């Protein structure tokens, strides 16, 4: 983009630039994990990326604080706790990529 000199004072607020972008799922890298549908980045349902798509992780009854601690550390947080309430952060969509993670 070409532009006038940086710091130009000839622009009024009526000329402020704006944009409305189409929201899409951000691209992800294989093995990347995230927490979704929680109240912050540090809380939520665990998802993992495979082939550029986010998918669900099923605990299969064996998910506990040990696995939750690994997720928290990989995301740069202090150790955390597993949530035992079923679907506490909503029903996941898409394919279940990992099951019975231990």
PDB file of N, CA and C in Angstrom:
ATOM      1  N   UNK A   1       0.841  -1.189   0.000  1.00  0.00           N
ATOM      2  CA  UNK A   1       0.000   0.000   0.000  1.00  0.00           C
ATOM      3  C   UNK A   1       0.878   1.242   0.000  1.00  0.00           C
ATOM      4  N   UNK A   2       0.493   2.183  -0.781  1.00  0.00           N
ATOM      5  CA  UNK A   2       1.201   3.469  -0.738  1.00  0.00           C
ATOM      6  C   UNK A   2       0.456   4.372   0.231  1.00  0.00           C
ATOM      7  N   UNK A   3       1.137   5.351   0.761  1.00  0.00           N
ATOM      8  CA  UNK A   3       0.507   6.239   1.733  1.00  0.00           C
ATOM      9  C   UNK A   3       1.247   7.564   1.760  1.00  0.00           C
ATOM     10  N   UNK A   4       0.611   8.564   2.331  1.00  0.00           N
ATOM     11  CA  UNK A   4       1.245   9.872   2.525  1.00  0.00           C
ATOM     12  C   UNK A   4       2.270   9.739   3.647  1.00  0.00           C
ATOM     13  N   UNK A   5       2.907  10.796   3.937  1.00  0.00           N
ATOM     14  CA  UNK A   5       3.930  10.809   4.976  1.00  0.00           C
ATOM     15  C   UNK A   5       3.341  10.332   6.310  1.00  0.00           C
ATOM     16  N   UNK A   6       4.122   9.551   7.051  1.00  0.00           N
ATOM     17  CA  UNK A   6       3.701   9.092   8.365  1.00  0.00           C
ATOM     18  C   UNK A   6       3.548  10.301   9.273  1.00  0.00           C
ATOM     19  N   UNK A   7       2.458  10.339  10.015  1.00  0.00           N
ATOM     20  CA  UNK A   7       2.217  11.454  10.927  1.00  0.00           C
ATOM     21  C   UNK A   7       1.460  12.603  10.285  1.00  0.00           C
ATOM     22  N   UNK A   8       0.931  12.394   9.088  1.00  0.00           N
ATOM     23  CA  UNK A   8       0.177  13.443   8.406  1.00  0.00           C
ATOM     24  C   UNK A   8      -1.039  13.817   9.242  1.00  0.00           C
ATOM     25  N   UNK A   9      -1.286  15.087   9.378  1.00  0.00           N
ATOM     26  CA  UNK A   9      -2.409  15.566  10.193  1.00  0.00           C
ATOM     27  C   UNK A   9      -3.574  16.016   9.316  1.00  0.00           C
ATOM     28  N   UNK A  10      -3.590  15.597   8.069  1.00  0.00           N
ATOM     29  CA  UNK A  10      -4.631  16.028   7.152  1.00  0.00           C
ATOM     30  C   UNK A  10      -5.815  15.067   7.118  1.00  0.00           C
ATOM     31  N   UNK A  11      -5.828  14.103   7.993  1.00  0.00           N
ATOM     32  CA  UNK A  11      -6.889  13.102   8.012  1.00  0.00           C
ATOM     33  C   UNK A  11      -7.874  13.430   9.131  1.00  0.00           C
ATOM     34  N   UNK A  12      -9.142  13.521   8.786  1.00  0.00           N
ATOM     35  CA  UNK A  12     -10.172  13.763   9.798  1.00  0.00           C
ATOM     36  C   UNK A  12     -10.761  12.429  10.239  1.00  0.00           C
ATOM     37  N   UNK A  13     -11.502  12.431  11.336  1.00  0.00           N
ATOM     38  CA  UNK A  13     -12.067  11.174  11.821  1.00  0.00           C
ATOM     39  C   UNK A  13     -13.047  10.566  10.820  1.00  0.00           C
ATOM     40  N   UNK A  14     -13.648  11.388   9.958  1.00  0.00           N
ATOM     41  CA  UNK A  14     -14.560  10.846   8.945  1.00  0.00           C
ATOM     42  C   UNK A  14     -13.808   9.997   7.919  1.00  0.00           C
ATOM     43  N   UNK A  15     -12.489  10.142   7.868  1.00  0.00           N
ATOM     44  CA  UNK A  15     -11.680   9.389   6.904  1.00  0.00           C
ATOM     45  C   UNK A  15     -10.962   8.201   7.544  1.00  0.00           C
ATOM     46  N   UNK A  16     -11.227   7.914   8.836  1.00  0.00           N
ATOM     47  CA  UNK A  16     -10.585   6.780   9.504  1.00  0.00           C
ATOM     48  C   UNK A  16     -10.885   5.488   8.754  1.00  0.00           C
ATOM     49  N   UNK A  17      -9.861   4.695   8.566  1.00  0.00           N
ATOM     50  CA  UNK A  17     -10.011   3.414   7.879  1.00  0.00           C
ATOM     51  C   UNK A  17     -10.611   2.378   8.825  1.00  0.00           C
ATOM     52  N   UNK A  18     -11.394   1.472   8.281  1.00  0.00           N
ATOM     53  CA  UNK A  18     -11.960   0.375   9.064  1.00  0.00           C
ATOM     54  C   UNK A  18     -12.116  -0.829   8.159  1.00  0.00           C
ATOM     55  N   UNK A  19     -12.382  -1.960   8.747  1.00  0.00           N
ATOM     56  CA  UNK A  19     -12.561  -3.193   7.977  1.00  0.00           C
ATOM     57  C   UNK A  19     -13.451  -4.145   8.750  1.00  0.00           C
ATOM     58  N   UNK A  20     -14.180  -4.955   8.037  1.00  0.00           N
ATOM     59  CA  UNK A  20     -14.935  -6.048   8.620  1.00  0.00           C
ATOM     60  C   UNK A  20     -14.418  -7.314   7.958  1.00  0.00           C
ATOM     61  N   UNK A  21     -13.822  -8.172   8.764  1.00  0.00           N
ATOM     62  CA  UNK A  21     -13.208  -9.392   8.222  1.00  0.00           C
ATOM     63  C   UNK A  21     -14.133 -10.583   8.407  1.00  0.00           C
ATOM     64  N   UNK A  22     -14.022 -11.525   7.535  1.00  0.00           N
ATOM     65  CA  UNK A  22     -14.792 -12.760   7.641  1.00  0.00           C
ATOM     66  C   UNK A  22     -14.052 -13.678   8.600  1.00  0.00           C
ATOM     67  N   UNK A  23     -14.716 -14.058   9.695  1.00  0.00           N
ATOM     68  CA  UNK A  23     -14.088 -14.909  10.699  1.00  0.00           C
ATOM     69  C   UNK A  23     -14.020 -16.343  10.200  1.00  0.00           C
ATOM     70  N   UNK A  24     -12.870 -16.934  10.339  1.00  0.00           N
ATOM     71  CA  UNK A  24     -12.680 -18.347  10.010  1.00  0.00           C
ATOM     72  C   UNK A  24     -11.927 -18.989  11.156  1.00  0.00           C
ATOM     73  N   UNK A  25     -11.908 -20.285  11.180  1.00  0.00           N
ATOM     74  CA  UNK A  25     -11.105 -20.971  12.179  1.00  0.00           C
ATOM     75  C   UNK A  25      -9.641 -20.732  11.860  1.00  0.00           C
ATOM     76  N   UNK A  26      -8.873 -20.309  12.852  1.00  0.00           N
ATOM     77  CA  UNK A  26      -7.463 -20.069  12.578  1.00  0.00           C
ATOM     78  C   UNK A  26      -6.760 -21.368  12.186  1.00  0.00           C
ATOM     79  N   UNK A  27      -5.811 -21.235  11.276  1.00  0.00           N
ATOM     80  CA  UNK A  27      -5.042 -22.408  10.867  1.00  0.00           C
ATOM     81  C   UNK A  27      -4.301 -22.951  12.084  1.00  0.00           C
ATOM     82  N   UNK A  28      -4.069 -24.233  12.100  1.00  0.00           N
ATOM     83  CA  UNK A  28      -3.353 -24.834  13.221  1.00  0.00           C
ATOM     84  C   UNK A  28      -2.296 -25.786  12.688  1.00  0.00           C
ATOM     85  N   UNK A  29      -1.360 -26.111  13.546  1.00  0.00           N
ATOM     86  CA  UNK A  29      -0.269 -27.025  13.206  1.00  0.00           C
ATOM     87  C   UNK A  29      -0.491 -28.357  13.905  1.00  0.00           C
ATOM     88  N   UNK A  30      -0.130 -29.443  13.238  1.00  0.00           N
ATOM     89  CA  UNK A  30      -0.307 -30.776  13.818  1.00  0.00           C
ATOM     90  C   UNK A  30       0.291 -30.843  15.223  1.00  0.00           C
ATOM     91  N   UNK A  31      -0.500 -31.386  16.144  1.00  0.00           N
ATOM     92  CA  UNK A  31      -0.064 -31.551  17.518  1.00  0.00           C
ATOM     93  C   UNK A  31      -0.359 -30.370  18.417  1.00  0.00           C
ATOM     94  N   UNK A  32      -0.759 -29.243  17.834  1.00  0.00           N
ATOM     95  CA  UNK A  32      -1.091 -28.065  18.630  1.00  0.00           C
ATOM     96  C   UNK A  32      -2.348 -28.362  19.438  1.00  0.00           C
ATOM     97  N   UNK A  33      -2.413 -27.864  20.670  1.00  0.00           N
ATOM     98  CA  UNK A  33      -3.594 -28.069  21.504  1.00  0.00           C
ATOM     99  C   UNK A  33      -4.167 -26.723  21.919  1.00  0.00           C
ATOM    100  N   UNK A  34      -5.430 -26.733  22.303  1.00  0.00           N
ATOM    101  CA  UNK A  34      -6.079 -25.521  22.787  1.00  0.00           C
ATOM    102  C   UNK A  34      -7.218 -25.916  23.720  1.00  0.00           C
ATOM    103  N   UNK A  35      -7.667 -24.949  24.510  1.00  0.00           N
ATOM    104  CA  UNK A  35      -8.841 -25.102  25.360  1.00  0.00           C
ATOM    105  C   UNK A  35      -9.918 -24.178  24.807  1.00  0.00           C
ATOM    106  N   UNK A  36     -11.138 -24.690  24.631  1.00  0.00           N
ATOM    107  CA  UNK A  36     -12.214 -23.896  24.041  1.00  0.00           C
ATOM    108  C   UNK A  36     -13.455 -23.889  24.928  1.00  0.00           C
ATOM    109  N   UNK A  37     -14.292 -22.883  24.728  1.00  0.00           N
ATOM    110  CA  UNK A  37     -15.583 -22.712  25.404  1.00  0.00           C
ATOM    111  C   UNK A  37     -15.471 -22.477  26.904  1.00  0.00           C
ATOM    112  N   UNK A  38     -14.314 -22.074  27.377  1.00  0.00           N
ATOM    113  CA  UNK A  38     -14.165 -21.741  28.788  1.00  0.00           C
ATOM    114  C   UNK A  38     -14.269 -20.242  28.993  1.00  0.00           C
ATOM    115  N   UNK A  39     -14.010 -19.824  30.209  1.00  0.00           N
ATOM    116  CA  UNK A  39     -14.102 -18.410  30.552  1.00  0.00           C
ATOM    117  C   UNK A  39     -12.805 -17.658  30.267  1.00  0.00           C
ATOM    118  N   UNK A  40     -11.745 -18.386  29.923  1.00  0.00           N
ATOM    119  CA  UNK A  40     -10.456 -17.777  29.584  1.00  0.00           C
ATOM    120  C   UNK A  40      -9.654 -18.773  28.769  1.00  0.00           C
ATOM    121  N   UNK A  41      -8.452 -18.368  28.336  1.00  0.00           N
ATOM    122  CA  UNK A  41      -7.579 -19.272  27.578  1.00  0.00           C
ATOM    123  C   UNK A  41      -7.141 -20.471  28.413  1.00  0.00           C
ATOM    124  N   UNK A  42      -7.255 -20.369  29.742  1.00  0.00           N
ATOM    125  CA  UNK A  42      -6.741 -21.399  30.639  1.00  0.00           C
ATOM    126  C   UNK A  42      -7.800 -22.413  31.065  1.00  0.00           C
ATOM    127  N   UNK A  43      -8.994 -22.321  30.517  1.00  0.00           N
ATOM    128  CA  UNK A  43     -10.106 -23.169  30.944  1.00  0.00           C
ATOM    129  C   UNK A  43     -10.877 -23.621  29.714  1.00  0.00           C
ATOM    130  N   UNK A  44     -11.257 -24.901  29.668  1.00  0.00           N
ATOM    131  CA  UNK A  44     -12.134 -25.331  28.589  1.00  0.00           C
ATOM    132  C   UNK A  44     -11.931 -26.758  28.151  1.00  0.00           C
ATOM    133  N   UNK A  45     -12.633 -27.111  27.094  1.00  0.00           N
ATOM    134  CA  UNK A  45     -12.552 -28.437  26.495  1.00  0.00           C
ATOM    135  C   UNK A  45     -11.258 -28.541  25.694  1.00  0.00           C
ATOM    136  N   UNK A  46     -10.572 -29.661  25.803  1.00  0.00           N
ATOM    137  CA  UNK A  46      -9.297 -29.854  25.108  1.00  0.00           C
ATOM    138  C   UNK A  46      -9.549 -30.256  23.658  1.00  0.00           C
ATOM    139  N   UNK A  47      -8.866 -29.554  22.750  1.00  0.00           N
ATOM    140  CA  UNK A  47      -8.883 -29.925  21.334  1.00  0.00           C
ATOM    141  C   UNK A  47      -7.446 -30.011  20.837  1.00  0.00           C
ATOM    142  N   UNK A  48      -7.240 -30.840  19.836  1.00  0.00           N
ATOM    143  CA  UNK A  48      -5.923 -31.024  19.242  1.00  0.00           C
ATOM    144  C   UNK A  48      -6.032 -30.844  17.729  1.00  0.00           C
ATOM    145  N   UNK A  49      -4.959 -30.369  17.123  1.00  0.00           N
ATOM    146  CA  UNK A  49      -4.945 -30.150  15.675  1.00  0.00           C
ATOM    147  C   UNK A  49      -4.299 -31.338  14.962  1.00  0.00           C
ATOM    148  N   UNK A  50      -4.918 -31.753  13.865  1.00  0.00           N
ATOM    149  CA  UNK A  50      -4.361 -32.795  13.001  1.00  0.00           C
ATOM    150  C   UNK A  50      -4.787 -32.504  11.576  1.00  0.00           C
ATOM    151  N   UNK A  51      -3.825 -32.487  10.669  1.00  0.00           N
ATOM    152  CA  UNK A  51      -4.082 -32.175   9.257  1.00  0.00           C
ATOM    153  C   UNK A  51      -4.807 -30.841   9.080  1.00  0.00           C
ATOM    154  N   UNK A  52      -4.427 -29.843   9.882  1.00  0.00           N
ATOM    155  CA  UNK A  52      -4.997 -28.510   9.753  1.00  0.00           C
ATOM    156  C   UNK A  52      -6.400 -28.338  10.301  1.00  0.00           C
ATOM    157  N   UNK A  53      -6.924 -29.344  10.991  1.00  0.00           N
ATOM    158  CA  UNK A  53      -8.279 -29.299  11.543  1.00  0.00           C
ATOM    159  C   UNK A  53      -8.238 -29.536  13.043  1.00  0.00           C
ATOM    160  N   UNK A  54      -9.095 -28.825  13.769  1.00  0.00           N
ATOM    161  CA  UNK A  54      -9.223 -29.048  15.203  1.00  0.00           C
ATOM    162  C   UNK A  54     -10.166 -30.206  15.450  1.00  0.00           C
ATOM    163  N   UNK A  55      -9.831 -31.063  16.422  1.00  0.00           N
ATOM    164  CA  UNK A  55     -10.684 -32.195  16.770  1.00  0.00           C
ATOM    165  C   UNK A  55     -10.744 -32.396  18.274  1.00  0.00           C
ATOM    166  N   UNK A  56     -11.675 -33.199  18.677  1.00  0.00           N
ATOM    167  CA  UNK A  56     -11.927 -33.448  20.099  1.00  0.00           C
ATOM    168  C   UNK A  56     -10.937 -34.442  20.687  1.00  0.00           C
ATOM    169  N   UNK A  57     -10.777 -34.350  22.000  1.00  0.00           N
ATOM    170  CA  UNK A  57      -9.994 -35.313  22.765  1.00  0.00           C
ATOM    171  C   UNK A  57     -10.950 -35.946  23.768  1.00  0.00           C
ATOM    172  N   UNK A  58     -11.066 -37.271  23.732  1.00  0.00           N
ATOM    173  CA  UNK A  58     -11.942 -37.982  24.663  1.00  0.00           C
ATOM    174  C   UNK A  58     -11.112 -38.589  25.775  1.00  0.00           C
ATOM    175  N   UNK A  59     -11.528 -38.330  27.007  1.00  0.00           N
ATOM    176  CA  UNK A  59     -10.810 -38.884  28.152  1.00  0.00           C
ATOM    177  C   UNK A  59     -11.093 -40.358  28.356  1.00  0.00           C
ATOM    178  N   UNK A  60     -12.264 -40.811  27.924  1.00  0.00           N
ATOM    179  CA  UNK A  60     -12.607 -42.231  28.025  1.00  0.00           C
ATOM    180  C   UNK A  60     -12.558 -42.771  29.446  1.00  0.00           C
ATOM    181  N   UNK A  61     -12.806 -41.919  30.441  1.00  0.00           N
ATOM    182  CA  UNK A  61     -12.814 -42.376  31.826  1.00  0.00           C
ATOM    183  C   UNK A  61     -11.448 -42.397  32.473  1.00  0.00           C
ATOM    184  N   UNK A  62     -10.383 -42.215  31.686  1.00  0.00           N
ATOM    185  CA  UNK A  62      -9.035 -42.269  32.255  1.00  0.00           C
ATOM    186  C   UNK A  62      -8.396 -40.886  32.382  1.00  0.00           C
ATOM    187  N   UNK A  63      -9.092 -39.851  31.955  1.00  0.00           N
ATOM    188  CA  UNK A  63      -8.561 -38.480  32.014  1.00  0.00           C
ATOM    189  C   UNK A  63      -8.539 -38.032  33.468  1.00  0.00           C
ATOM    190  N   UNK A  64      -7.362 -37.614  33.948  1.00  0.00           N
ATOM    191  CA  UNK A  64      -7.272 -37.137  35.321  1.00  0.00           C
ATOM    192  C   UNK A  64      -6.301 -35.971  35.413  1.00  0.00           C
ATOM    193  N   UNK A  65      -5.943 -35.587  36.626  1.00  0.00           N
ATOM    194  CA  UNK A  65      -5.079 -34.426  36.824  1.00  0.00           C
ATOM    195  C   UNK A  65      -3.722 -34.569  36.140  1.00  0.00           C
ATOM    196  N   UNK A  66      -3.220 -35.768  36.010  1.00  0.00           N
ATOM    197  CA  UNK A  66      -1.925 -35.975  35.347  1.00  0.00           C
ATOM    198  C   UNK A  66      -1.984 -35.490  33.900  1.00  0.00           C
ATOM    199  N   UNK A  67      -3.005 -35.884  33.162  1.00  0.00           N
ATOM    200  CA  UNK A  67      -3.147 -35.439  31.775  1.00  0.00           C
ATOM    201  C   UNK A  67      -3.464 -33.949  31.695  1.00  0.00           C
ATOM    202  N   UNK A  68      -4.320 -33.469  32.600  1.00  0.00           N
ATOM    203  CA  UNK A  68      -4.652 -32.044  32.621  1.00  0.00           C
ATOM    204  C   UNK A  68      -3.396 -31.205  32.875  1.00  0.00           C
ATOM    205  N   UNK A  69      -2.512 -31.677  33.744  1.00  0.00           N
ATOM    206  CA  UNK A  69      -1.258 -30.962  34.013  1.00  0.00           C
ATOM    207  C   UNK A  69      -0.397 -30.857  32.768  1.00  0.00           C
ATOM    208  N   UNK A  70      -0.346 -31.910  31.966  1.00  0.00           N
ATOM    209  CA  UNK A  70       0.434 -31.875  30.723  1.00  0.00           C
ATOM    210  C   UNK A  70      -0.135 -30.816  29.787  1.00  0.00           C
ATOM    211  N   UNK A  71      -1.452 -30.791  29.629  1.00  0.00           N
ATOM    212  CA  UNK A  71      -2.099 -29.801  28.767  1.00  0.00           C
ATOM    213  C   UNK A  71      -1.779 -28.394  29.263  1.00  0.00           C
ATOM    214  N   UNK A  72      -1.962 -28.163  30.555  1.00  0.00           N
ATOM    215  CA  UNK A  72      -1.710 -26.829  31.116  1.00  0.00           C
ATOM    216  C   UNK A  72      -0.266 -26.401  30.875  1.00  0.00           C
ATOM    217  N   UNK A  73       0.675 -27.266  31.099  1.00  0.00           N
ATOM    218  CA  UNK A  73       2.086 -26.923  30.890  1.00  0.00           C
ATOM    219  C   UNK A  73       2.384 -26.653  29.419  1.00  0.00           C
ATOM    220  N   UNK A  74       1.816 -27.459  28.530  1.00  0.00           N
ATOM    221  CA  UNK A  74       2.046 -27.240  27.099  1.00  0.00           C
ATOM    222  C   UNK A  74       1.497 -25.892  26.642  1.00  0.00           C
ATOM    223  N   UNK A  75       0.462 -25.405  27.312  1.00  0.00           N
ATOM    224  CA  UNK A  75      -0.122 -24.118  26.961  1.00  0.00           C
ATOM    225  C   UNK A  75       0.535 -22.960  27.711  1.00  0.00           C
ATOM    226  N   UNK A  76       1.542 -23.280  28.530  1.00  0.00           N
ATOM    227  CA  UNK A  76       2.289 -22.244  29.230  1.00  0.00           C
ATOM    228  C   UNK A  76       1.712 -21.837  30.571  1.00  0.00           C
ATOM    229  N   UNK A  77       0.842 -22.676  31.137  1.00  0.00           N
ATOM    230  CA  UNK A  77       0.235 -22.386  32.425  1.00  0.00           C
ATOM    231  C   UNK A  77       0.840 -23.260  33.516  1.00  0.00           C
ATOM    232  N   UNK A  78       0.538 -22.917  34.742  1.00  0.00           N
ATOM    233  CA  UNK A  78       0.906 -23.750  35.882  1.00  0.00           C
ATOM    234  C   UNK A  78       0.058 -25.017  35.825  1.00  0.00           C
ATOM    235  N   UNK A  79       0.460 -26.067  36.577  1.00  0.00           N
ATOM    236  CA  UNK A  79      -0.351 -27.287  36.591  1.00  0.00           C
ATOM    237  C   UNK A  79      -1.796 -26.991  36.972  1.00  0.00           C
ATOM    238  N   UNK A  80      -2.700 -27.802  36.440  1.00  0.00           N
ATOM    239  CA  UNK A  80      -4.124 -27.588  36.681  1.00  0.00           C
ATOM    240  C   UNK A  80      -4.822 -28.859  37.095  1.00  0.00           C
ATOM    241  N   UNK A  81      -6.119 -28.857  36.994  1.00  0.00           N
ATOM    242  CA  UNK A  81      -6.937 -29.993  37.391  1.00  0.00           C
ATOM    243  C   UNK A  81      -7.832 -30.447  36.257  1.00  0.00           C
ATOM    244  N   UNK A  82      -8.102 -31.735  36.240  1.00  0.00           N
ATOM    245  CA  UNK A  82      -9.044 -32.282  35.278  1.00  0.00           C
ATOM    246  C   UNK A  82     -10.459 -31.905  35.715  1.00  0.00           C
ATOM    247  N   UNK A  83     -11.334 -31.719  34.758  1.00  0.00           N
ATOM    248  CA  UNK A  83     -12.737 -31.467  35.044  1.00  0.00           C
ATOM    249  C   UNK A  83     -13.478 -32.775  34.841  1.00  0.00           C
ATOM    250  N   UNK A  84     -14.181 -33.197  35.861  1.00  0.00           N
ATOM    251  CA  UNK A  84     -14.845 -34.501  35.780  1.00  0.00           C
ATOM    252  C   UNK A  84     -16.307 -34.399  35.360  1.00  0.00           C
ATOM    253  N   UNK A  85     -16.860 -33.204  35.344  1.00  0.00           N
ATOM    254  CA  UNK A  85     -18.257 -33.033  34.929  1.00  0.00           C
ATOM    255  C   UNK A  85     -18.367 -33.249  33.428  1.00  0.00           C
ATOM    256  N   UNK A  86     -19.182 -34.197  32.961  1.00  0.00           N
ATOM    257  CA  UNK A  86     -19.291 -34.471  31.528  1.00  0.00           C
ATOM    258  C   UNK A  86     -19.734 -33.243  30.727  1.00  0.00           C
ATOM    259  N   UNK A  87     -19.072 -32.991  29.633  1.00  0.00           N
ATOM    260  CA  UNK A  87     -19.393 -31.906  28.694  1.00  0.00           C
ATOM    261  C   UNK A  87     -19.544 -30.554  29.391  1.00  0.00           C
ATOM    262  N   UNK A  88     -18.760 -30.303  30.410  1.00  0.00           N
ATOM    263  CA  UNK A  88     -18.849 -29.037  31.151  1.00  0.00           C
ATOM    264  C   UNK A  88     -18.652 -27.831  30.244  1.00  0.00           C
ATOM    265  N   UNK A  89     -17.811 -27.977  29.229  1.00  0.00           N
ATOM    266  CA  UNK A  89     -17.526 -26.859  28.323  1.00  0.00           C
ATOM    267  C   UNK A  89     -18.161 -27.057  26.956  1.00  0.00           C
ATOM    268  N   UNK A  90     -19.309 -27.685  26.948  1.00  0.00           N
ATOM    269  CA  UNK A  90     -20.065 -27.864  25.722  1.00  0.00           C
ATOM    270  C   UNK A  90     -19.698 -29.135  24.977  1.00  0.00           C
ATOM    271  N   UNK A  91     -20.626 -29.536  24.155  1.00  0.00           N
ATOM    272  CA  UNK A  91     -20.427 -30.717  23.308  1.00  0.00           C
ATOM    273  C   UNK A  91     -19.485 -30.346  22.183  1.00  0.00           C
ATOM    274  N   UNK A  92     -18.423 -31.100  22.013  1.00  0.00           N
ATOM    275  CA  UNK A  92     -17.489 -30.847  20.929  1.00  0.00           C
ATOM    276  C   UNK A  92     -18.097 -31.222  19.592  1.00  0.00           C
ATOM    277  N   UNK A  93     -17.558 -30.632  18.546  1.00  0.00           N
ATOM    278  CA  UNK A  93     -18.012 -30.990  17.198  1.00  0.00           C
ATOM    279  C   UNK A  93     -16.827 -31.538  16.433  1.00  0.00           C
ATOM    280  N   UNK A  94     -17.114 -32.143  15.336  1.00  0.00           N
ATOM    281  CA  UNK A  94     -16.027 -32.704  14.545  1.00  0.00           C
ATOM    282  C   UNK A  94     -15.611 -34.055  15.065  1.00  0.00           C
ATOM    283  N   UNK A  95     -14.567 -34.568  14.478  1.00  0.00           N
ATOM    284  CA  UNK A  95     -14.114 -35.920  14.771  1.00  0.00           C
ATOM    285  C   UNK A  95     -13.341 -35.956  16.098  1.00  0.00           C
ATOM    286  N   UNK A  96     -13.462 -37.088  16.752  1.00  0.00           N
ATOM    287  CA  UNK A  96     -12.686 -37.333  17.961  1.00  0.00           C
ATOM    288  C   UNK A  96     -11.318 -37.840  17.513  1.00  0.00           C
ATOM    289  N   UNK A  97     -10.288 -37.031  17.730  1.00  0.00           N
ATOM    290  CA  UNK A  97      -8.960 -37.389  17.242  1.00  0.00           C
ATOM    291  C   UNK A  97      -8.185 -38.275  18.205  1.00  0.00           C
ATOM    292  N   UNK A  98      -8.393 -38.095  19.484  1.00  0.00           N
ATOM    293  CA  UNK A  98      -7.701 -38.901  20.481  1.00  0.00           C
ATOM    294  C   UNK A  98      -8.707 -39.433  21.474  1.00  0.00           C
ATOM    295  N   UNK A  99      -8.539 -40.696  21.874  1.00  0.00           N
ATOM    296  CA  UNK A  99      -9.440 -41.311  22.832  1.00  0.00           C
ATOM    297  C   UNK A  99      -8.612 -42.061  23.867  1.00  0.00           C
ATOM    298  N   UNK A 100      -9.119 -42.107  25.094  1.00  0.00           N
ATOM    299  CA  UNK A 100      -8.487 -42.807  26.208  1.00  0.00           C
ATOM    300  C   UNK A 100      -7.025 -42.345  26.369  1.00  0.00           C
ATOM    301  N   UNK A 101      -6.836 -41.056  26.424  1.00  0.00           N
ATOM    302  CA  UNK A 101      -5.511 -40.474  26.606  1.00  0.00           C
ATOM    303  C   UNK A 101      -5.036 -40.760  28.020  1.00  0.00           C
ATOM    304  N   UNK A 102      -3.854 -41.335  28.138  1.00  0.00           N
ATOM    305  CA  UNK A 102      -3.247 -41.591  29.458  1.00  0.00           C
ATOM    306  C   UNK A 102      -1.808 -41.167  29.466  1.00  0.00           C
TER     307      UNK A 102
END
